[in-house]
Protein backbone atom coordinates (compact mmCIF):
# COMPACT_ATOMS: atom_id res chain seq x y z
CA UNK A 1 4.27 7.33 10.43
CA UNK A 2 5.72 10.77 10.78
CA UNK A 3 7.03 11.85 7.40
CA UNK A 4 7.92 15.21 5.99
CA UNK A 5 5.64 15.21 2.98
CA UNK A 6 2.23 16.58 2.24
CA UNK A 7 -0.94 14.73 3.12
CA UNK A 8 -1.66 14.25 -0.58
CA UNK A 9 1.60 12.37 -1.21
CA UNK A 10 1.14 10.29 1.94
CA UNK A 11 -2.28 9.26 0.65
CA UNK A 12 -0.91 8.50 -2.84
CA UNK A 13 1.88 6.31 -1.46
CA UNK A 14 -0.57 4.59 0.86
CA UNK A 15 -2.88 3.78 -2.05
CA UNK A 16 0.04 2.44 -4.10
CA UNK A 17 1.05 0.19 -1.22
CA UNK A 18 -2.51 -0.92 -0.72
CA UNK A 19 -2.87 -1.89 -4.38
CA UNK A 20 0.44 -3.78 -4.32
CA UNK A 21 -0.55 -5.61 -1.13
CA UNK A 22 -3.95 -6.50 -2.58
CA UNK A 23 -2.39 -7.83 -5.78
CA UNK A 24 0.06 -9.98 -3.83
CA UNK A 25 -2.81 -11.46 -1.83
CA UNK A 26 -4.80 -12.08 -4.99
CA UNK A 27 -1.87 -13.89 -6.63
CA UNK A 28 -1.32 -16.31 -3.73
CA UNK A 29 -4.90 -16.83 -2.56
CA UNK A 30 -7.86 -16.25 -4.83
CA UNK A 31 -11.17 -15.18 -3.25
CA UNK A 32 -14.02 -17.70 -3.13
CA UNK A 33 -16.28 -17.93 -6.16
CA UNK A 34 -18.74 -15.05 -6.16
CA UNK A 35 -16.95 -13.09 -3.44
CA UNK A 36 -16.11 -9.48 -4.23
CA UNK A 37 -12.94 -9.38 -2.15
CA UNK A 38 -10.69 -11.55 -0.04
CA UNK A 39 -10.80 -10.76 3.70
CA UNK A 40 -7.05 -11.33 4.04
CA UNK A 41 -6.57 -8.84 1.22
CA UNK A 42 -7.74 -6.04 3.47
CA UNK A 43 -5.08 -6.84 6.04
CA UNK A 44 -2.30 -7.28 3.48
CA UNK A 45 -3.35 -4.06 1.72
CA UNK A 46 -2.97 -2.20 5.00
CA UNK A 47 0.43 -3.79 5.62
CA UNK A 48 1.49 -3.03 2.04
CA UNK A 49 0.63 0.63 2.50
CA UNK A 50 2.66 0.78 5.71
CA UNK A 51 5.56 -1.01 4.01
CA UNK A 52 5.67 1.43 1.08
CA UNK A 53 5.58 4.43 3.43
CA UNK A 54 8.30 2.90 5.62
CA UNK A 55 10.52 2.10 2.60
CA UNK A 56 10.03 5.65 1.29
CA UNK A 57 11.13 7.04 4.65
CA UNK A 58 13.95 4.50 5.19
CA UNK A 59 15.62 5.22 1.83
CA UNK A 60 15.03 8.97 2.23
CA UNK A 61 13.36 9.28 -1.18
CA UNK A 62 11.98 12.65 -2.18
CA UNK A 63 8.96 13.74 -4.17
CA UNK A 64 10.14 15.39 -7.40
CA UNK A 65 9.19 19.05 -7.61
CA UNK A 66 8.64 20.46 -11.00
């Protein structure tokens, strides 16, 4: 996504979206016993990161400077 923010803030927002997506997956579908992660969690984490970046761009939010 082309956004007018620094690489650092793009990474931060992507990580936030990834964590949110992973938590949503974990709430609705727990991983198998002994598994470290849920395979669907990787996909939903990616989609969550894209969703957060898109929402940030769609609502024209700005990074506070200060």
